[in-house]
PDB file of all heavy atoms in Angstrom:
ATOM      1  N   ILE A   1      51.405  73.246  52.102  1.00  0.00           N
ATOM      2  CA  ILE A   1      51.572  73.299  50.651  1.00  0.00           C
ATOM      3  C   ILE A   1      50.675  72.250  50.009  1.00  0.00           C
ATOM      4  O   ILE A   1      50.659  71.086  50.436  1.00  0.00           O
ATOM      5  CB  ILE A   1      53.038  73.036  50.240  1.00  0.00           C
ATOM      6  CG1 ILE A   1      53.956  74.109  50.846  1.00  0.00           C
ATOM      7  CG2 ILE A   1      53.181  72.981  48.718  1.00  0.00           C
ATOM      8  CD1 ILE A   1      55.438  73.819  50.686  1.00  0.00           C
ATOM      9  N   GLY A   2      49.945  72.671  48.993  1.00  0.00           N
ATOM     10  CA  GLY A   2      49.169  71.745  48.182  1.00  0.00           C
ATOM     11  C   GLY A   2      49.939  71.448  46.910  1.00  0.00           C
ATOM     12  O   GLY A   2      50.389  72.365  46.233  1.00  0.00           O
ATOM     13  N   LEU A   3      50.095  70.189  46.594  1.00  0.00           N
ATOM     14  CA  LEU A   3      50.853  69.821  45.392  1.00  0.00           C
ATOM     15  C   LEU A   3      50.030  69.981  44.125  1.00  0.00           C
ATOM     16  O   LEU A   3      50.585  70.003  43.027  1.00  0.00           O
ATOM     17  CB  LEU A   3      51.385  68.394  45.522  1.00  0.00           C
ATOM     18  CG  LEU A   3      52.401  68.217  46.654  1.00  0.00           C
ATOM     19  CD1 LEU A   3      52.765  66.745  46.800  1.00  0.00           C
ATOM     20  CD2 LEU A   3      53.632  69.085  46.424  1.00  0.00           C
ATOM     21  N   THR A   4      48.730  70.110  44.261  1.00  0.00           N
ATOM     22  CA  THR A   4      47.852  70.377  43.134  1.00  0.00           C
ATOM     23  C   THR A   4      47.330  71.793  43.290  1.00  0.00           C
ATOM     24  O   THR A   4      46.754  72.141  44.322  1.00  0.00           O
ATOM     25  CB  THR A   4      46.668  69.387  43.108  1.00  0.00           C
ATOM     26  OG1 THR A   4      47.194  68.063  43.038  1.00  0.00           O
ATOM     27  CG2 THR A   4      45.763  69.647  41.919  1.00  0.00           C
ATOM     28  N   HIS A   5      47.529  72.610  42.289  1.00  0.00           N
ATOM     29  CA  HIS A   5      47.088  74.008  42.337  1.00  0.00           C
ATOM     30  C   HIS A   5      45.566  74.076  42.370  1.00  0.00           C
ATOM     31  O   HIS A   5      44.895  73.318  41.659  1.00  0.00           O
ATOM     32  CB  HIS A   5      47.637  74.757  41.113  1.00  0.00           C
ATOM     33  CG  HIS A   5      47.490  76.230  41.199  1.00  0.00           C
ATOM     34  ND1 HIS A   5      46.296  76.863  40.969  1.00  0.00           N
ATOM     35  CD2 HIS A   5      48.385  77.188  41.522  1.00  0.00           C
ATOM     36  CE1 HIS A   5      46.460  78.157  41.121  1.00  0.00           C
ATOM     37  NE2 HIS A   5      47.719  78.390  41.470  1.00  0.00           N
ATOM     38  N   PRO A   6      44.981  74.965  43.176  1.00  0.00           N
ATOM     39  CA  PRO A   6      43.517  75.038  43.251  1.00  0.00           C
ATOM     40  C   PRO A   6      42.834  75.403  41.933  1.00  0.00           C
ATOM     41  O   PRO A   6      41.661  75.106  41.744  1.00  0.00           O
ATOM     42  CB  PRO A   6      43.256  76.112  44.319  1.00  0.00           C
ATOM     43  CG  PRO A   6      44.531  76.834  44.495  1.00  0.00           C
ATOM     44  CD  PRO A   6      45.628  75.916  44.067  1.00  0.00           C
ATOM     45  N   LYS A   7      43.569  76.004  41.007  1.00  0.00           N
ATOM     46  CA  LYS A   7      42.995  76.322  39.688  1.00  0.00           C
ATOM     47  C   LYS A   7      43.460  75.339  38.622  1.00  0.00           C
ATOM     48  O   LYS A   7      43.252  75.558  37.436  1.00  0.00           O
ATOM     49  CB  LYS A   7      43.365  77.742  39.282  1.00  0.00           C
ATOM     50  CG  LYS A   7      42.725  78.787  40.177  1.00  0.00           C
ATOM     51  CD  LYS A   7      43.084  80.184  39.733  1.00  0.00           C
ATOM     52  CE  LYS A   7      42.455  81.201  40.669  1.00  0.00           C
ATOM     53  NZ  LYS A   7      42.898  82.560  40.388  1.00  0.00           N
ATOM     54  N   GLY A   8      44.121  74.268  39.043  1.00  0.00           N
ATOM     55  CA  GLY A   8      44.520  73.226  38.116  1.00  0.00           C
ATOM     56  C   GLY A   8      45.745  73.524  37.274  1.00  0.00           C
ATOM     57  O   GLY A   8      45.956  72.864  36.260  1.00  0.00           O
ATOM     58  N   LEU A   9      46.566  74.488  37.660  1.00  0.00           N
ATOM     59  CA  LEU A   9      47.767  74.806  36.880  1.00  0.00           C
ATOM     60  C   LEU A   9      48.755  73.647  36.951  1.00  0.00           C
ATOM     61  O   LEU A   9      49.220  73.276  38.032  1.00  0.00           O
ATOM     62  CB  LEU A   9      48.437  76.080  37.403  1.00  0.00           C
ATOM     63  CG  LEU A   9      47.605  77.358  37.357  1.00  0.00           C
ATOM     64  CD1 LEU A   9      48.374  78.521  37.981  1.00  0.00           C
ATOM     65  CD2 LEU A   9      47.223  77.687  35.923  1.00  0.00           C
ATOM     66  N   ALA A  10      49.057  73.064  35.815  1.00  0.00           N
ATOM     67  CA  ALA A  10      49.940  71.900  35.758  1.00  0.00           C
ATOM     68  C   ALA A  10      51.331  72.234  36.300  1.00  0.00           C
ATOM     69  O   ALA A  10      51.911  73.263  35.955  1.00  0.00           O
ATOM     70  CB  ALA A  10      50.048  71.400  34.322  1.00  0.00           C
ATOM     71  N   GLY A  11      51.844  71.368  37.143  1.00  0.00           N
ATOM     72  CA  GLY A  11      53.195  71.505  37.661  1.00  0.00           C
ATOM     73  C   GLY A  11      53.372  72.596  38.702  1.00  0.00           C
ATOM     74  O   GLY A  11      54.481  72.842  39.151  1.00  0.00           O
ATOM     75  N   CYS A  12      52.298  73.251  39.086  1.00  0.00           N
ATOM     76  CA  CYS A  12      52.387  74.369  40.023  1.00  0.00           C
ATOM     77  C   CYS A  12      51.751  73.990  41.351  1.00  0.00           C
ATOM     78  O   CYS A  12      50.555  73.723  41.424  1.00  0.00           O
ATOM     79  CB  CYS A  12      51.701  75.606  39.439  1.00  0.00           C
ATOM     80  SG  CYS A  12      51.949  77.100  40.431  1.00  0.00           S
ATOM     81  N   ALA A  13      52.567  73.955  42.400  1.00  0.00           N
ATOM     82  CA  ALA A  13      52.067  73.722  43.752  1.00  0.00           C
ATOM     83  C   ALA A  13      51.540  75.045  44.311  1.00  0.00           C
ATOM     84  O   ALA A  13      51.725  76.103  43.699  1.00  0.00           O
ATOM     85  CB  ALA A  13      53.188  73.171  44.628  1.00  0.00           C
ATOM     86  N   TYR A  14      50.889  74.979  45.458  1.00  0.00           N
ATOM     87  CA  TYR A  14      50.286  76.183  46.035  1.00  0.00           C
ATOM     88  C   TYR A  14      50.602  76.261  47.522  1.00  0.00           C
ATOM     89  O   TYR A  14      50.360  75.304  48.268  1.00  0.00           O
ATOM     90  CB  TYR A  14      48.773  76.150  45.822  1.00  0.00           C
ATOM     91  CG  TYR A  14      48.123  77.485  46.051  1.00  0.00           C
ATOM     92  CD1 TYR A  14      48.115  78.450  45.059  1.00  0.00           C
ATOM     93  CD2 TYR A  14      47.537  77.783  47.264  1.00  0.00           C
ATOM     94  CE1 TYR A  14      47.523  79.692  45.266  1.00  0.00           C
ATOM     95  CE2 TYR A  14      46.935  79.019  47.480  1.00  0.00           C
ATOM     96  CZ  TYR A  14      46.941  79.967  46.474  1.00  0.00           C
ATOM     97  OH  TYR A  14      46.355  81.180  46.697  1.00  0.00           O
ATOM     98  N   LEU A  15      51.155  77.379  47.927  1.00  0.00           N
ATOM     99  CA  LEU A  15      51.472  77.624  49.331  1.00  0.00           C
ATOM    100  C   LEU A  15      50.247  78.240  50.000  1.00  0.00           C
ATOM    101  O   LEU A  15      49.936  79.407  49.797  1.00  0.00           O
ATOM    102  CB  LEU A  15      52.675  78.568  49.450  1.00  0.00           C
ATOM    103  CG  LEU A  15      53.117  78.933  50.859  1.00  0.00           C
ATOM    104  CD1 LEU A  15      53.580  77.702  51.624  1.00  0.00           C
ATOM    105  CD2 LEU A  15      54.219  79.973  50.808  1.00  0.00           C
ATOM    106  N   TYR A  16      49.530  77.437  50.761  1.00  0.00           N
ATOM    107  CA  TYR A  16      48.318  77.908  51.430  1.00  0.00           C
ATOM    108  C   TYR A  16      48.634  78.696  52.689  1.00  0.00           C
ATOM    109  O   TYR A  16      47.924  79.636  53.037  1.00  0.00           O
ATOM    110  CB  TYR A  16      47.414  76.729  51.800  1.00  0.00           C
ATOM    111  CG  TYR A  16      46.682  76.144  50.626  1.00  0.00           C
ATOM    112  CD1 TYR A  16      47.147  74.998  49.984  1.00  0.00           C
ATOM    113  CD2 TYR A  16      45.515  76.728  50.146  1.00  0.00           C
ATOM    114  CE1 TYR A  16      46.468  74.453  48.910  1.00  0.00           C
ATOM    115  CE2 TYR A  16      44.829  76.198  49.070  1.00  0.00           C
ATOM    116  CZ  TYR A  16      45.313  75.055  48.463  1.00  0.00           C
ATOM    117  OH  TYR A  16      44.640  74.526  47.390  1.00  0.00           O
ATOM    118  N   ASP A  17      49.686  78.291  53.397  1.00  0.00           N
ATOM    119  CA  ASP A  17      49.983  78.959  54.659  1.00  0.00           C
ATOM    120  C   ASP A  17      51.457  78.804  54.995  1.00  0.00           C
ATOM    121  O   ASP A  17      52.032  77.729  54.832  1.00  0.00           O
ATOM    122  CB  ASP A  17      49.123  78.350  55.781  1.00  0.00           C
ATOM    123  CG  ASP A  17      49.265  79.081  57.112  1.00  0.00           C
ATOM    124  OD1 ASP A  17      49.257  80.333  57.108  1.00  0.00           O
ATOM    125  OD2 ASP A  17      49.369  78.407  58.153  1.00  0.00           O
ATOM    126  N   ILE A  18      52.023  79.890  55.446  1.00  0.00           N
ATOM    127  CA  ILE A  18      53.362  79.889  56.028  1.00  0.00           C
ATOM    128  C   ILE A  18      53.312  80.884  57.171  1.00  0.00           C
ATOM    129  O   ILE A  18      52.743  81.963  57.032  1.00  0.00           O
ATOM    130  CB  ILE A  18      54.461  80.260  55.003  1.00  0.00           C
ATOM    131  CG1 ILE A  18      55.853  80.255  55.666  1.00  0.00           C
ATOM    132  CG2 ILE A  18      54.162  81.593  54.345  1.00  0.00           C
ATOM    133  CD1 ILE A  18      57.011  80.452  54.687  1.00  0.00           C
ATOM    134  N   GLU A  19      53.852  80.473  58.288  1.00  0.00           N
ATOM    135  CA  GLU A  19      53.887  81.400  59.421  1.00  0.00           C
ATOM    136  C   GLU A  19      55.109  81.119  60.273  1.00  0.00           C
ATOM    137  O   GLU A  19      55.408  79.965  60.590  1.00  0.00           O
ATOM    138  CB  GLU A  19      52.626  81.292  60.269  1.00  0.00           C
ATOM    139  CG  GLU A  19      52.603  82.349  61.356  1.00  0.00           C
ATOM    140  CD  GLU A  19      51.299  82.423  62.110  1.00  0.00           C
ATOM    141  OE1 GLU A  19      50.407  81.595  61.884  1.00  0.00           O
ATOM    142  OE2 GLU A  19      51.173  83.330  62.941  1.00  0.00           O
ATOM    143  N   VAL A  20      55.782  82.190  60.626  1.00  0.00           N
ATOM    144  CA  VAL A  20      56.872  82.130  61.584  1.00  0.00           C
ATOM    145  C   VAL A  20      56.283  82.514  62.937  1.00  0.00           C
ATOM    146  O   VAL A  20      55.474  83.452  63.024  1.00  0.00           O
ATOM    147  CB  VAL A  20      58.018  83.088  61.178  1.00  0.00           C
ATOM    148  CG1 VAL A  20      59.085  83.161  62.263  1.00  0.00           C
ATOM    149  CG2 VAL A  20      58.626  82.650  59.848  1.00  0.00           C
ATOM    150  N   LEU A  21      56.663  81.800  63.968  1.00  0.00           N
ATOM    151  CA  LEU A  21      56.173  82.121  65.311  1.00  0.00           C
ATOM    152  C   LEU A  21      56.481  83.577  65.637  1.00  0.00           C
ATOM    153  O   LEU A  21      57.561  84.073  65.306  1.00  0.00           O
ATOM    154  CB  LEU A  21      56.839  81.208  66.344  1.00  0.00           C
ATOM    155  CG  LEU A  21      56.556  79.713  66.187  1.00  0.00           C
ATOM    156  CD1 LEU A  21      57.413  78.899  67.152  1.00  0.00           C
ATOM    157  CD2 LEU A  21      55.089  79.429  66.422  1.00  0.00           C
ATOM    158  N   PRO A  22      55.553  84.280  66.265  1.00  0.00           N
ATOM    159  CA  PRO A  22      55.757  85.715  66.537  1.00  0.00           C
ATOM    160  C   PRO A  22      57.084  86.042  67.222  1.00  0.00           C
ATOM    161  O   PRO A  22      57.748  87.017  66.861  1.00  0.00           O
ATOM    162  CB  PRO A  22      54.564  86.078  67.437  1.00  0.00           C
ATOM    163  CG  PRO A  22      53.505  85.099  67.069  1.00  0.00           C
ATOM    164  CD  PRO A  22      54.236  83.817  66.732  1.00  0.00           C
ATOM    165  N   GLU A  23      57.488  85.221  68.174  1.00  0.00           N
ATOM    166  CA  GLU A  23      58.737  85.490  68.896  1.00  0.00           C
ATOM    167  C   GLU A  23      59.986  85.218  68.069  1.00  0.00           C
ATOM    168  O   GLU A  23      61.094  85.574  68.467  1.00  0.00           O
ATOM    169  CB  GLU A  23      58.778  84.692  70.207  1.00  0.00           C
ATOM    170  CG  GLU A  23      58.821  83.187  70.031  1.00  0.00           C
ATOM    171  CD  GLU A  23      57.458  82.511  69.910  1.00  0.00           C
ATOM    172  OE1 GLU A  23      56.441  83.194  69.650  1.00  0.00           O
ATOM    173  OE2 GLU A  23      57.417  81.273  70.068  1.00  0.00           O
ATOM    174  N   ARG A  24      59.824  84.621  66.889  1.00  0.00           N
ATOM    175  CA  ARG A  24      60.956  84.302  66.011  1.00  0.00           C
ATOM    176  C   ARG A  24      61.046  85.221  64.793  1.00  0.00           C
ATOM    177  O   ARG A  24      61.952  85.081  63.970  1.00  0.00           O
ATOM    178  CB  ARG A  24      60.848  82.858  65.513  1.00  0.00           C
ATOM    179  CG  ARG A  24      60.922  81.820  66.599  1.00  0.00           C
ATOM    180  CD  ARG A  24      62.335  81.652  67.024  1.00  0.00           C
ATOM    181  NE  ARG A  24      62.467  80.546  67.951  1.00  0.00           N
ATOM    182  CZ  ARG A  24      63.599  80.203  68.485  1.00  0.00           C
ATOM    183  NH1 ARG A  24      64.689  80.863  68.187  1.00  0.00           N
ATOM    184  NH2 ARG A  24      63.661  79.203  69.328  1.00  0.00           N
ATOM    185  N   ARG A  25      60.112  86.137  64.648  1.00  0.00           N
ATOM    186  CA  ARG A  25      60.087  87.012  63.471  1.00  0.00           C
ATOM    187  C   ARG A  25      61.224  88.013  63.504  1.00  0.00           C
ATOM    188  O   ARG A  25      61.739  88.365  64.558  1.00  0.00           O
ATOM    189  CB  ARG A  25      58.737  87.721  63.386  1.00  0.00           C
ATOM    190  CG  ARG A  25      57.627  86.731  63.100  1.00  0.00           C
ATOM    191  CD  ARG A  25      56.273  87.361  63.028  1.00  0.00           C
ATOM    192  NE  ARG A  25      55.280  86.288  62.878  1.00  0.00           N
ATOM    193  CZ  ARG A  25      54.017  86.410  63.162  1.00  0.00           C
ATOM    194  NH1 ARG A  25      53.518  87.560  63.590  1.00  0.00           N
ATOM    195  NH2 ARG A  25      53.202  85.381  63.017  1.00  0.00           N
TER     196      ARG A  25
END
């Protein structure tokens, strides 16, 4: 997670990546 949005949106964090391990899906 980036706490600064890549487009500069104030107060908006950005989720760059989330992944659940394949065996846990």
